[in-house]
Amino acid sequence: MFGIGMSELMVILVIALIFIGPKNLPEIAKTLGKGYLQFQRAFRDMKGTIEEEIDEIKKETEISLDKEISLDKKEKKEKT
């Protein structure tokens, strides 16, 4: 998980407990969790949009190449 071992995670939790306090820690953890989920959703949406755009560009490129190949074949037939 993020390259953090169990011992490092425990140290972080103890420090958070000391500075934040036991009353506020669950609320802050819940807020951080919600923020993390929102970040994941936004990242997933952005990734999906980028992949759609890449697919569209690939299709357009393939269509252009097909048209060029078709034109080249016509030109070769006309020359012979």
Foldseek 3Di string as FASTA:
>chain_A
DVPDDPVNVVVVVVVCCVVVHPVCVVVVVVVVVVVVVVVVVVVVVVVVVVVVVVVVVVVVVVVVVVVVVVVVVVVVVVVD
